[in-house]
N, C-alpha and C. Protein backbone atom coordinates (compact mmCIF):
# COMPACT_ATOMS: atom_id res chain seq x y z
N MET A 1 55.03 58.58 38.15
CA MET A 1 55.41 58.55 39.56
C MET A 1 56.90 58.88 39.66
N LYS A 2 57.23 59.73 40.64
CA LYS A 2 58.62 60.17 40.80
C LYS A 2 59.11 59.81 42.20
N ILE A 3 60.31 59.21 42.25
CA ILE A 3 60.95 58.87 43.51
C ILE A 3 62.17 59.76 43.68
N THR A 4 62.25 60.44 44.82
CA THR A 4 63.39 61.32 45.10
C THR A 4 64.06 60.85 46.39
N PHE A 5 65.38 60.69 46.31
CA PHE A 5 66.18 60.32 47.49
C PHE A 5 66.61 61.60 48.19
N LEU A 6 66.39 61.67 49.51
CA LEU A 6 66.71 62.87 50.26
C LEU A 6 67.75 62.61 51.35
N GLY A 7 68.57 61.58 51.13
CA GLY A 7 69.64 61.28 52.06
C GLY A 7 69.25 60.30 53.13
N HIS A 8 70.20 59.47 53.55
CA HIS A 8 70.02 58.46 54.59
C HIS A 8 68.95 57.45 54.15
N ALA A 9 67.77 57.45 54.78
CA ALA A 9 66.71 56.53 54.37
C ALA A 9 65.45 57.28 53.94
N VAL A 10 65.60 58.57 53.64
CA VAL A 10 64.45 59.42 53.33
C VAL A 10 64.13 59.36 51.84
N PHE A 11 62.89 58.98 51.53
CA PHE A 11 62.45 58.93 50.14
C PHE A 11 61.11 59.63 50.01
N LEU A 12 61.02 60.46 48.98
CA LEU A 12 59.78 61.14 48.61
C LEU A 12 59.21 60.46 47.38
N ILE A 13 57.96 60.05 47.46
CA ILE A 13 57.29 59.43 46.32
C ILE A 13 56.14 60.33 45.91
N GLU A 14 56.21 60.86 44.70
CA GLU A 14 55.19 61.78 44.21
C GLU A 14 54.35 61.11 43.13
N GLY A 15 53.05 61.18 43.32
CA GLY A 15 52.11 60.63 42.35
C GLY A 15 50.78 61.33 42.53
N GLN A 16 49.69 60.60 42.48
CA GLN A 16 48.39 61.20 42.75
C GLN A 16 48.34 61.73 44.18
N LYS A 17 49.06 61.06 45.07
CA LYS A 17 49.28 61.52 46.44
C LYS A 17 50.77 61.49 46.70
N ASN A 18 51.23 62.36 47.58
CA ASN A 18 52.66 62.44 47.89
C ASN A 18 52.95 61.77 49.23
N LEU A 19 53.95 60.90 49.21
CA LEU A 19 54.35 60.17 50.41
C LEU A 19 55.81 60.50 50.72
N ILE A 20 56.14 60.56 52.00
CA ILE A 20 57.54 60.62 52.39
C ILE A 20 57.79 59.52 53.42
N ILE A 21 58.91 58.83 53.27
CA ILE A 21 59.27 57.72 54.14
C ILE A 21 60.45 58.13 55.02
N ASP A 22 60.30 57.92 56.33
CA ASP A 22 61.35 58.19 57.33
C ASP A 22 61.96 59.59 57.16
N PRO A 23 61.16 60.63 57.43
CA PRO A 23 61.56 62.00 57.11
C PRO A 23 62.57 62.64 58.06
N PHE A 24 63.77 62.09 58.06
CA PHE A 24 64.88 62.62 58.87
C PHE A 24 65.49 63.79 58.09
N ILE A 25 65.07 65.01 58.46
CA ILE A 25 65.50 66.20 57.74
C ILE A 25 66.39 67.06 58.63
N THR A 26 65.85 67.51 59.76
CA THR A 26 66.64 68.31 60.70
C THR A 26 67.77 67.46 61.28
N GLY A 27 69.00 67.93 61.12
CA GLY A 27 70.15 67.20 61.63
C GLY A 27 70.68 66.12 60.72
N ASN A 28 70.07 65.95 59.55
CA ASN A 28 70.52 64.95 58.59
C ASN A 28 71.64 65.54 57.73
N PRO A 29 72.88 65.12 57.91
CA PRO A 29 73.98 65.72 57.15
C PRO A 29 73.91 65.43 55.66
N ALA A 30 73.10 64.46 55.27
CA ALA A 30 73.00 64.11 53.85
C ALA A 30 71.80 64.77 53.17
N TYR A 31 70.96 65.45 53.93
CA TYR A 31 69.77 66.07 53.32
C TYR A 31 70.18 67.27 52.47
N PRO A 32 69.68 67.36 51.23
CA PRO A 32 70.00 68.51 50.38
C PRO A 32 69.33 69.77 50.93
N GLY A 33 70.12 70.67 51.47
CA GLY A 33 69.59 71.79 52.24
C GLY A 33 68.66 72.71 51.49
N ASP A 34 68.81 72.80 50.17
CA ASP A 34 67.97 73.72 49.40
C ASP A 34 66.71 73.05 48.85
N PHE A 35 66.47 71.78 49.23
CA PHE A 35 65.33 71.06 48.69
C PHE A 35 64.05 71.51 49.38
N GLN A 36 63.04 71.84 48.57
CA GLN A 36 61.74 72.26 49.09
C GLN A 36 60.73 71.12 48.92
N LEU A 37 60.19 70.67 50.03
CA LEU A 37 59.19 69.59 49.96
C LEU A 37 57.88 70.10 49.37
N PRO A 38 57.23 69.25 48.56
CA PRO A 38 55.87 69.57 48.14
C PRO A 38 54.91 69.28 49.29
N ASN A 39 53.63 69.48 49.06
CA ASN A 39 52.64 69.07 50.05
C ASN A 39 52.75 67.56 50.28
N ILE A 40 52.77 67.17 51.54
CA ILE A 40 52.92 65.76 51.89
C ILE A 40 51.59 65.23 52.41
N ASP A 41 51.05 64.23 51.72
CA ASP A 41 49.76 63.66 52.12
C ASP A 41 49.92 62.57 53.18
N TYR A 42 50.99 61.78 53.05
CA TYR A 42 51.22 60.66 53.98
C TYR A 42 52.68 60.62 54.38
N ILE A 43 52.90 60.30 55.65
CA ILE A 43 54.24 60.08 56.18
C ILE A 43 54.31 58.64 56.66
N LEU A 44 55.28 57.89 56.15
CA LEU A 44 55.47 56.49 56.55
C LEU A 44 56.71 56.40 57.42
N VAL A 45 56.57 55.80 58.59
CA VAL A 45 57.69 55.69 59.53
C VAL A 45 57.96 54.22 59.80
N THR A 46 59.18 53.77 59.50
CA THR A 46 59.51 52.34 59.62
C THR A 46 59.77 51.91 61.06
N HIS A 47 60.37 52.80 61.88
CA HIS A 47 60.66 52.45 63.27
C HIS A 47 60.97 53.70 64.07
N GLY A 48 61.21 53.52 65.37
CA GLY A 48 61.22 54.65 66.28
C GLY A 48 62.50 55.42 66.44
N HIS A 49 63.59 55.01 65.81
CA HIS A 49 64.86 55.72 65.99
C HIS A 49 64.78 57.13 65.42
N GLY A 50 65.53 58.03 66.04
CA GLY A 50 65.43 59.44 65.69
C GLY A 50 65.79 59.77 64.26
N ASP A 51 66.68 58.96 63.65
CA ASP A 51 67.06 59.22 62.26
C ASP A 51 66.04 58.63 61.28
N HIS A 52 64.87 58.26 61.80
CA HIS A 52 63.79 57.76 60.94
C HIS A 52 62.46 58.45 61.25
N ILE A 53 62.12 58.57 62.55
CA ILE A 53 60.98 59.42 62.91
C ILE A 53 61.26 60.85 62.47
N GLY A 54 62.48 61.31 62.73
CA GLY A 54 62.92 62.60 62.23
C GLY A 54 61.93 63.73 62.49
N ASP A 55 61.48 64.37 61.41
CA ASP A 55 60.61 65.54 61.47
C ASP A 55 59.13 65.19 61.29
N THR A 56 58.77 63.97 61.64
CA THR A 56 57.39 63.53 61.43
C THR A 56 56.38 64.44 62.10
N VAL A 57 56.62 64.79 63.35
CA VAL A 57 55.65 65.63 64.07
C VAL A 57 55.49 66.98 63.38
N GLU A 58 56.60 67.62 63.06
CA GLU A 58 56.55 68.95 62.45
C GLU A 58 55.88 68.91 61.07
N LEU A 59 56.24 67.92 60.26
CA LEU A 59 55.68 67.84 58.91
C LEU A 59 54.20 67.51 58.93
N SER A 60 53.80 66.62 59.83
CA SER A 60 52.38 66.25 59.88
C SER A 60 51.52 67.44 60.28
N LYS A 61 52.05 68.28 61.17
CA LYS A 61 51.30 69.47 61.56
C LYS A 61 51.30 70.52 60.44
N LYS A 62 52.42 70.64 59.74
CA LYS A 62 52.51 71.63 58.67
C LYS A 62 51.59 71.30 57.50
N PHE A 63 51.59 70.04 57.09
CA PHE A 63 50.85 69.65 55.89
C PHE A 63 49.51 68.96 56.18
N GLY A 64 49.24 68.67 57.44
CA GLY A 64 48.03 67.90 57.76
C GLY A 64 48.14 66.47 57.27
N SER A 65 49.37 65.93 57.26
CA SER A 65 49.62 64.59 56.72
C SER A 65 49.09 63.52 57.66
N THR A 66 48.73 62.39 57.08
CA THR A 66 48.41 61.19 57.85
C THR A 66 49.69 60.39 58.03
N VAL A 67 49.98 60.02 59.27
CA VAL A 67 51.18 59.23 59.55
C VAL A 67 50.80 57.76 59.65
N ILE A 68 51.52 56.92 58.94
CA ILE A 68 51.32 55.47 58.98
C ILE A 68 52.56 54.84 59.60
N SER A 69 52.35 54.08 60.65
CA SER A 69 53.45 53.40 61.31
C SER A 69 52.87 52.29 62.17
N ASN A 70 53.72 51.70 63.00
CA ASN A 70 53.17 50.67 63.89
C ASN A 70 52.33 51.32 65.00
N PHE A 71 51.59 50.49 65.70
CA PHE A 71 50.63 50.96 66.70
C PHE A 71 51.30 51.81 67.77
N GLU A 72 52.44 51.34 68.27
CA GLU A 72 53.11 52.02 69.37
C GLU A 72 53.64 53.40 68.95
N ILE A 73 54.22 53.48 67.77
CA ILE A 73 54.72 54.77 67.29
C ILE A 73 53.58 55.74 67.05
N CYS A 74 52.47 55.24 66.51
CA CYS A 74 51.31 56.11 66.30
C CYS A 74 50.80 56.67 67.62
N ASN A 75 50.74 55.83 68.65
CA ASN A 75 50.32 56.31 69.97
C ASN A 75 51.27 57.39 70.50
N TYR A 76 52.57 57.15 70.33
CA TYR A 76 53.58 58.13 70.77
C TYR A 76 53.38 59.45 70.02
N LEU A 77 53.19 59.39 68.72
CA LEU A 77 53.04 60.61 67.93
C LEU A 77 51.77 61.37 68.31
N GLN A 78 50.72 60.65 68.63
CA GLN A 78 49.50 61.32 69.09
C GLN A 78 49.76 62.09 70.38
N SER A 79 50.61 61.55 71.24
CA SER A 79 50.94 62.24 72.49
C SER A 79 51.73 63.52 72.23
N LYS A 80 52.30 63.63 71.02
CA LYS A 80 53.05 64.81 70.63
C LYS A 80 52.22 65.77 69.77
N GLY A 81 50.93 65.50 69.67
CA GLY A 81 50.04 66.42 68.97
C GLY A 81 49.76 66.09 67.53
N VAL A 82 50.16 64.91 67.08
CA VAL A 82 49.85 64.49 65.71
C VAL A 82 48.41 63.97 65.69
N ASN A 83 47.58 64.60 64.90
CA ASN A 83 46.14 64.29 64.93
C ASN A 83 45.74 63.16 64.00
N LYS A 84 46.45 63.00 62.89
CA LYS A 84 46.04 62.02 61.88
C LYS A 84 47.06 60.89 61.82
N VAL A 85 46.70 59.75 62.37
CA VAL A 85 47.58 58.58 62.33
C VAL A 85 46.78 57.38 61.85
N HIS A 86 47.50 56.44 61.26
CA HIS A 86 46.90 55.16 60.89
C HIS A 86 47.84 54.06 61.37
N PRO A 87 47.51 53.41 62.50
CA PRO A 87 48.38 52.35 63.02
C PRO A 87 48.24 51.06 62.24
N MET A 88 49.37 50.38 62.06
CA MET A 88 49.40 49.07 61.41
C MET A 88 50.37 48.19 62.20
N HIS A 89 50.57 46.97 61.72
CA HIS A 89 51.61 46.13 62.29
C HIS A 89 52.12 45.15 61.23
N ILE A 90 53.20 44.45 61.59
CA ILE A 90 53.89 43.57 60.66
C ILE A 90 52.91 42.55 60.06
N GLY A 91 52.93 42.46 58.73
CA GLY A 91 52.07 41.52 58.03
C GLY A 91 50.71 42.09 57.68
N GLY A 92 50.37 43.22 58.29
CA GLY A 92 49.08 43.84 58.00
C GLY A 92 49.14 44.62 56.70
N SER A 93 48.02 44.66 55.99
CA SER A 93 47.94 45.42 54.75
C SER A 93 46.64 46.21 54.73
N LYS A 94 46.63 47.28 53.96
CA LYS A 94 45.47 48.16 53.92
C LYS A 94 45.46 48.92 52.61
N GLU A 95 44.26 49.09 52.06
CA GLU A 95 44.10 49.92 50.87
C GLU A 95 43.97 51.39 51.29
N PHE A 96 44.80 52.23 50.71
CA PHE A 96 44.72 53.67 50.92
C PHE A 96 44.39 54.34 49.58
N GLU A 97 44.17 55.63 49.61
CA GLU A 97 43.83 56.31 48.35
C GLU A 97 45.01 56.35 47.39
N PHE A 98 46.23 56.14 47.88
CA PHE A 98 47.40 56.11 46.99
C PHE A 98 47.69 54.70 46.47
N GLY A 99 47.10 53.66 47.08
CA GLY A 99 47.36 52.28 46.68
C GLY A 99 47.33 51.38 47.89
N LYS A 100 47.87 50.19 47.76
CA LYS A 100 47.87 49.22 48.85
C LYS A 100 49.22 49.24 49.57
N LEU A 101 49.15 49.18 50.89
CA LEU A 101 50.35 49.22 51.70
C LEU A 101 50.40 48.02 52.63
N LYS A 102 51.57 47.40 52.72
CA LYS A 102 51.77 46.28 53.63
C LYS A 102 53.01 46.54 54.45
N MET A 103 52.93 46.26 55.76
CA MET A 103 54.11 46.36 56.61
C MET A 103 54.86 45.04 56.58
N THR A 104 56.15 45.11 56.39
CA THR A 104 56.99 43.92 56.27
C THR A 104 57.94 43.82 57.46
N PRO A 105 58.44 42.62 57.78
CA PRO A 105 59.34 42.47 58.91
C PRO A 105 60.69 43.15 58.68
N ALA A 106 61.31 43.57 59.77
CA ALA A 106 62.68 44.07 59.75
C ALA A 106 63.38 43.59 61.01
N LEU A 107 64.64 43.27 60.89
CA LEU A 107 65.45 42.86 62.03
C LEU A 107 66.24 44.06 62.52
N HIS A 108 65.75 44.68 63.59
CA HIS A 108 66.36 45.92 64.05
C HIS A 108 65.78 46.24 65.42
N GLY A 109 65.92 47.48 65.89
CA GLY A 109 65.29 47.97 67.10
C GLY A 109 64.31 49.06 66.75
N SER A 110 63.61 49.60 67.77
CA SER A 110 62.65 50.65 67.50
C SER A 110 62.45 51.57 68.70
N GLY A 111 63.38 51.57 69.65
CA GLY A 111 63.23 52.41 70.84
C GLY A 111 63.23 53.89 70.49
N ILE A 112 62.33 54.62 71.12
CA ILE A 112 62.21 56.07 70.91
C ILE A 112 62.86 56.78 72.09
N ILE A 113 63.83 57.62 71.83
CA ILE A 113 64.46 58.39 72.90
C ILE A 113 63.71 59.71 73.04
N ASP A 114 63.12 59.92 74.21
CA ASP A 114 62.30 61.11 74.45
C ASP A 114 62.65 61.67 75.82
N ASP A 115 63.23 62.87 75.82
CA ASP A 115 63.61 63.52 77.07
C ASP A 115 64.52 62.63 77.92
N GLY A 116 65.45 61.97 77.24
CA GLY A 116 66.43 61.14 77.92
C GLY A 116 65.95 59.76 78.31
N LYS A 117 64.70 59.46 78.03
CA LYS A 117 64.14 58.15 78.36
C LYS A 117 63.90 57.36 77.07
N ILE A 118 63.99 56.04 77.17
CA ILE A 118 63.71 55.19 76.01
C ILE A 118 62.29 54.66 76.13
N ILE A 119 61.48 54.95 75.11
CA ILE A 119 60.09 54.52 75.06
C ILE A 119 59.98 53.38 74.07
N TYR A 120 59.18 52.38 74.44
CA TYR A 120 58.99 51.23 73.56
C TYR A 120 58.35 51.67 72.25
N GLY A 121 59.01 51.36 71.15
CA GLY A 121 58.54 51.80 69.84
C GLY A 121 57.97 50.68 68.98
N GLY A 122 57.55 49.57 69.61
CA GLY A 122 56.96 48.49 68.83
C GLY A 122 57.97 47.79 67.96
N ASN A 123 57.49 47.02 67.02
CA ASN A 123 58.35 46.27 66.11
C ASN A 123 58.82 47.14 64.95
N PRO A 124 60.11 47.09 64.61
CA PRO A 124 60.56 47.77 63.40
C PRO A 124 59.98 47.07 62.17
N GLY A 125 59.91 47.79 61.08
CA GLY A 125 59.36 47.19 59.87
C GLY A 125 59.85 47.87 58.61
N GLY A 126 59.32 47.40 57.51
CA GLY A 126 59.51 48.03 56.22
C GLY A 126 58.15 48.21 55.59
N PHE A 127 58.12 48.69 54.36
CA PHE A 127 56.85 48.89 53.67
C PHE A 127 56.91 48.36 52.25
N LEU A 128 55.88 47.65 51.86
CA LEU A 128 55.67 47.28 50.46
C LEU A 128 54.50 48.12 49.96
N ILE A 129 54.81 49.02 49.04
CA ILE A 129 53.82 49.98 48.54
C ILE A 129 53.45 49.59 47.11
N LYS A 130 52.18 49.34 46.89
CA LYS A 130 51.72 48.96 45.55
C LYS A 130 50.93 50.11 44.95
N MET A 131 51.61 50.85 44.07
CA MET A 131 51.00 51.96 43.34
C MET A 131 51.07 51.60 41.85
N GLU A 132 51.50 52.54 41.02
CA GLU A 132 51.73 52.17 39.61
C GLU A 132 52.79 51.09 39.52
N LYS A 133 53.77 51.17 40.41
CA LYS A 133 54.80 50.14 40.57
C LYS A 133 54.77 49.68 42.02
N SER A 134 55.30 48.50 42.28
CA SER A 134 55.42 48.04 43.66
C SER A 134 56.81 48.40 44.16
N ILE A 135 56.84 49.08 45.31
CA ILE A 135 58.08 49.60 45.88
C ILE A 135 58.26 49.00 47.27
N TYR A 136 59.40 48.38 47.49
CA TYR A 136 59.74 47.83 48.81
C TYR A 136 60.80 48.71 49.44
N HIS A 137 60.45 49.39 50.53
CA HIS A 137 61.41 50.13 51.34
C HIS A 137 61.67 49.28 52.56
N ALA A 138 62.89 48.77 52.68
CA ALA A 138 63.19 47.76 53.69
C ALA A 138 63.27 48.30 55.11
N GLY A 139 63.37 49.63 55.26
CA GLY A 139 63.66 50.17 56.58
C GLY A 139 65.06 49.76 57.00
N ASP A 140 65.34 49.86 58.28
CA ASP A 140 66.63 49.39 58.81
C ASP A 140 66.49 47.91 59.13
N THR A 141 67.28 47.09 58.50
CA THR A 141 67.14 45.65 58.73
C THR A 141 68.42 44.90 58.39
N GLY A 142 68.59 43.78 59.05
CA GLY A 142 69.56 42.80 58.62
C GLY A 142 68.91 41.91 57.57
N LEU A 143 69.71 41.04 57.01
CA LEU A 143 69.21 40.09 56.01
C LEU A 143 68.25 39.10 56.68
N THR A 144 67.14 38.84 56.03
CA THR A 144 66.17 37.90 56.56
C THR A 144 65.56 37.07 55.44
N LYS A 145 65.30 35.80 55.74
CA LYS A 145 64.70 34.91 54.75
C LYS A 145 63.30 35.37 54.35
N ASP A 146 62.67 36.20 55.17
CA ASP A 146 61.35 36.72 54.82
C ASP A 146 61.38 37.50 53.52
N MET A 147 62.55 37.97 53.13
CA MET A 147 62.65 38.74 51.88
C MET A 147 62.29 37.90 50.67
N GLU A 148 62.40 36.58 50.78
CA GLU A 148 62.00 35.71 49.68
C GLU A 148 60.52 35.89 49.33
N LEU A 149 59.72 36.28 50.33
CA LEU A 149 58.28 36.46 50.11
C LEU A 149 57.99 37.73 49.32
N LEU A 150 59.00 38.57 49.14
CA LEU A 150 58.83 39.82 48.40
C LEU A 150 59.26 39.68 46.94
N LYS A 151 59.53 38.47 46.52
CA LYS A 151 60.01 38.24 45.16
C LYS A 151 59.05 38.85 44.14
N GLY A 152 59.62 39.60 43.22
CA GLY A 152 58.83 40.19 42.16
C GLY A 152 58.48 41.65 42.36
N ALA A 153 58.86 42.25 43.50
CA ALA A 153 58.64 43.69 43.67
C ALA A 153 59.38 44.44 42.56
N ASP A 154 58.78 45.49 42.05
CA ASP A 154 59.40 46.22 40.95
C ASP A 154 60.67 46.94 41.39
N ILE A 155 60.60 47.59 42.56
CA ILE A 155 61.71 48.40 43.04
C ILE A 155 62.01 48.00 44.48
N ALA A 156 63.28 47.74 44.77
CA ALA A 156 63.71 47.43 46.13
C ALA A 156 64.68 48.51 46.60
N ILE A 157 64.34 49.16 47.70
CA ILE A 157 65.20 50.17 48.31
C ILE A 157 65.81 49.54 49.55
N LEU A 158 67.12 49.32 49.50
CA LEU A 158 67.77 48.48 50.50
C LEU A 158 68.92 49.20 51.20
N PRO A 159 69.06 49.02 52.53
CA PRO A 159 70.22 49.57 53.23
C PRO A 159 71.47 48.76 52.92
N ILE A 160 72.61 49.45 52.83
CA ILE A 160 73.87 48.76 52.52
C ILE A 160 75.01 49.14 53.46
N GLY A 161 74.75 49.99 54.45
CA GLY A 161 75.82 50.59 55.22
C GLY A 161 76.47 49.73 56.29
N GLY A 162 75.92 48.53 56.54
CA GLY A 162 76.51 47.67 57.55
C GLY A 162 76.35 48.21 58.96
N ASN A 163 76.97 47.56 59.92
CA ASN A 163 76.99 47.88 61.34
C ASN A 163 75.60 47.78 61.98
N PHE A 164 74.68 48.67 61.62
CA PHE A 164 73.32 48.63 62.15
C PHE A 164 72.37 47.88 61.21
N VAL A 165 72.77 47.70 59.98
CA VAL A 165 71.90 47.14 58.93
C VAL A 165 72.71 46.21 58.04
N MET A 166 72.11 45.73 56.98
CA MET A 166 72.84 44.89 56.02
C MET A 166 74.06 45.61 55.46
N ASP A 167 75.12 44.85 55.24
CA ASP A 167 76.24 45.40 54.49
C ASP A 167 76.04 45.05 53.02
N ILE A 168 77.02 45.38 52.20
CA ILE A 168 76.88 45.16 50.76
C ILE A 168 76.65 43.68 50.44
N GLU A 169 77.43 42.81 51.06
CA GLU A 169 77.30 41.38 50.78
C GLU A 169 75.90 40.88 51.07
N ASP A 170 75.37 41.23 52.23
CA ASP A 170 74.02 40.77 52.58
C ASP A 170 72.96 41.44 51.73
N ALA A 171 73.16 42.71 51.38
CA ALA A 171 72.19 43.40 50.54
C ALA A 171 72.11 42.75 49.15
N VAL A 172 73.25 42.28 48.63
CA VAL A 172 73.23 41.57 47.35
C VAL A 172 72.46 40.26 47.48
N ARG A 173 72.63 39.58 48.61
CA ARG A 173 71.85 38.35 48.83
C ARG A 173 70.36 38.67 48.91
N ALA A 174 70.03 39.82 49.47
CA ALA A 174 68.62 40.23 49.50
C ALA A 174 68.09 40.45 48.09
N VAL A 175 68.90 41.05 47.24
CA VAL A 175 68.51 41.25 45.85
C VAL A 175 68.27 39.91 45.15
N GLU A 176 69.12 38.95 45.44
CA GLU A 176 68.94 37.61 44.85
C GLU A 176 67.60 37.01 45.26
N MET A 177 67.18 37.25 46.51
CA MET A 177 65.91 36.73 46.98
C MET A 177 64.73 37.45 46.35
N ILE A 178 64.82 38.78 46.27
CA ILE A 178 63.67 39.59 45.85
C ILE A 178 63.52 39.61 44.33
N GLN A 179 64.65 39.60 43.62
CA GLN A 179 64.64 39.66 42.15
C GLN A 179 63.82 40.84 41.63
N PRO A 180 64.08 42.04 42.12
CA PRO A 180 63.34 43.21 41.63
C PRO A 180 63.82 43.62 40.25
N LYS A 181 63.09 44.52 39.64
CA LYS A 181 63.53 45.08 38.36
C LYS A 181 64.58 46.17 38.57
N LEU A 182 64.50 46.85 39.71
CA LEU A 182 65.39 47.97 39.99
C LEU A 182 65.73 47.98 41.48
N VAL A 183 66.98 48.28 41.79
CA VAL A 183 67.44 48.39 43.18
C VAL A 183 68.01 49.78 43.42
N ILE A 184 67.67 50.37 44.56
CA ILE A 184 68.23 51.66 44.97
C ILE A 184 68.85 51.48 46.36
N PRO A 185 70.14 51.76 46.53
CA PRO A 185 70.75 51.63 47.85
C PRO A 185 70.43 52.84 48.74
N MET A 186 70.40 52.61 50.05
CA MET A 186 70.16 53.69 51.01
C MET A 186 70.93 53.37 52.30
N HIS A 187 70.80 54.27 53.26
CA HIS A 187 71.36 54.10 54.60
C HIS A 187 72.86 53.78 54.55
N TYR A 188 73.61 54.66 53.90
CA TYR A 188 75.06 54.52 53.82
C TYR A 188 75.68 55.91 53.68
N ASN A 189 76.89 56.05 54.20
CA ASN A 189 77.71 57.26 54.08
C ASN A 189 77.13 58.49 54.77
N THR A 190 76.08 58.33 55.56
CA THR A 190 75.58 59.47 56.34
C THR A 190 76.59 59.84 57.41
N TRP A 191 77.14 58.80 58.04
CA TRP A 191 78.20 58.94 59.03
C TRP A 191 79.26 57.88 58.74
N GLU A 192 80.44 58.07 59.27
CA GLU A 192 81.55 57.16 58.99
C GLU A 192 81.22 55.71 59.36
N ILE A 193 80.48 55.50 60.42
CA ILE A 193 80.21 54.15 60.90
C ILE A 193 79.38 53.34 59.89
N ILE A 194 78.70 54.01 58.97
CA ILE A 194 77.95 53.28 57.94
C ILE A 194 78.46 53.60 56.53
N ASN A 195 79.74 53.90 56.44
CA ASN A 195 80.32 54.12 55.11
C ASN A 195 80.28 52.85 54.28
N ALA A 196 79.95 52.98 53.02
CA ALA A 196 79.92 51.85 52.09
C ALA A 196 80.13 52.35 50.67
N ASN A 197 80.65 51.49 49.82
CA ASN A 197 80.93 51.82 48.43
C ASN A 197 79.73 51.43 47.57
N ALA A 198 78.89 52.40 47.26
CA ALA A 198 77.68 52.13 46.49
C ALA A 198 78.00 51.61 45.09
N GLU A 199 79.11 52.05 44.53
CA GLU A 199 79.49 51.59 43.19
C GLU A 199 79.82 50.10 43.22
N GLU A 200 80.44 49.64 44.29
CA GLU A 200 80.71 48.21 44.43
C GLU A 200 79.39 47.42 44.51
N PHE A 201 78.45 47.96 45.29
CA PHE A 201 77.14 47.31 45.39
C PHE A 201 76.47 47.26 44.01
N LYS A 202 76.50 48.35 43.30
CA LYS A 202 75.88 48.41 41.97
C LYS A 202 76.50 47.38 41.04
N SER A 203 77.83 47.27 41.06
CA SER A 203 78.52 46.32 40.20
C SER A 203 78.07 44.88 40.47
N GLN A 204 77.93 44.55 41.76
CA GLN A 204 77.51 43.18 42.10
C GLN A 204 76.06 42.93 41.74
N VAL A 205 75.22 43.92 41.90
CA VAL A 205 73.81 43.77 41.54
C VAL A 205 73.66 43.58 40.03
N GLU A 206 74.41 44.35 39.27
CA GLU A 206 74.30 44.27 37.81
C GLU A 206 74.82 42.94 37.26
N LYS A 207 75.67 42.25 38.01
CA LYS A 207 76.08 40.90 37.62
C LYS A 207 74.91 39.92 37.67
N LEU A 208 73.87 40.30 38.39
CA LEU A 208 72.65 39.49 38.47
C LEU A 208 71.65 39.86 37.38
N ASP A 209 72.08 40.74 36.46
CA ASP A 209 71.21 41.26 35.39
C ASP A 209 70.02 42.02 35.95
N ILE A 210 70.27 42.75 37.02
CA ILE A 210 69.26 43.59 37.65
C ILE A 210 69.80 45.02 37.67
N GLU A 211 68.95 45.96 37.32
CA GLU A 211 69.37 47.37 37.27
C GLU A 211 69.53 47.92 38.68
N CYS A 212 70.58 48.71 38.87
CA CYS A 212 70.81 49.39 40.14
C CYS A 212 71.04 50.87 39.86
N LYS A 213 70.31 51.71 40.56
CA LYS A 213 70.43 53.15 40.37
C LYS A 213 70.89 53.79 41.67
N ILE A 214 72.05 54.43 41.64
CA ILE A 214 72.55 55.16 42.78
C ILE A 214 72.03 56.60 42.68
N LEU A 215 71.22 57.01 43.63
CA LEU A 215 70.68 58.36 43.62
C LEU A 215 71.46 59.22 44.61
N LYS A 216 71.90 60.37 44.16
CA LYS A 216 72.49 61.34 45.06
C LYS A 216 71.37 62.06 45.81
N PRO A 217 71.63 62.53 47.03
CA PRO A 217 70.58 63.27 47.75
C PRO A 217 70.05 64.43 46.91
N GLY A 218 68.74 64.46 46.74
CA GLY A 218 68.08 65.45 45.91
C GLY A 218 67.80 64.99 44.49
N GLU A 219 68.36 63.84 44.13
CA GLU A 219 68.17 63.31 42.76
C GLU A 219 66.89 62.49 42.68
N SER A 220 66.23 62.57 41.53
CA SER A 220 64.95 61.90 41.33
C SER A 220 65.01 60.89 40.21
N LEU A 221 64.03 60.00 40.23
CA LEU A 221 63.91 58.96 39.22
C LEU A 221 62.45 58.84 38.85
N GLU A 222 62.16 58.94 37.55
CA GLU A 222 60.79 58.74 37.06
C GLU A 222 60.59 57.26 36.79
N VAL A 223 59.51 56.70 37.32
CA VAL A 223 59.25 55.27 37.11
C VAL A 223 57.81 55.07 36.63
């Protein structure tokens, strides 16, 4: 299984099936411009903000992908011509052909801006994906005690950029709760308002005897 970071909160997971999480490609200053996506079987969307829904509509039509998100976002995407959706909600889990997926809580917003109007985007969330390894993508979130329930996940992908999400200090506390084998930081340095020192985060995580891997946009990790 291969995990590729594509900038901001975008992650490509390649295995028996290919998944992309929060596919913010168009307009993403951190997206590696020469990167060519493989066929995408599933698109996972954590919440309704534009830097997370991103290119979901275009990619789902191009690849015939199934989009998994909360009920409200799935309804919105269907109104935009997305034919294959699977609605879920916080705490819900489901077996898919790639493995088991559970939606986890996130402390954030989820409003969808469409033609100048804000549409209710349901509850924001994260995903716990159980494939060959268990991968927790936190989505955009502040620190929450619910993360203690994720203890033992193999890989934790956590935001560190502050302002809209956890900063480094809170993300380290999240690592203490989850105790994963590997941590990957995300949602930082895309814009100045979420600038963060990933090396500082890595140093603090490694003091906990937990591996931290900083991926540059376009860089992959075999797990």
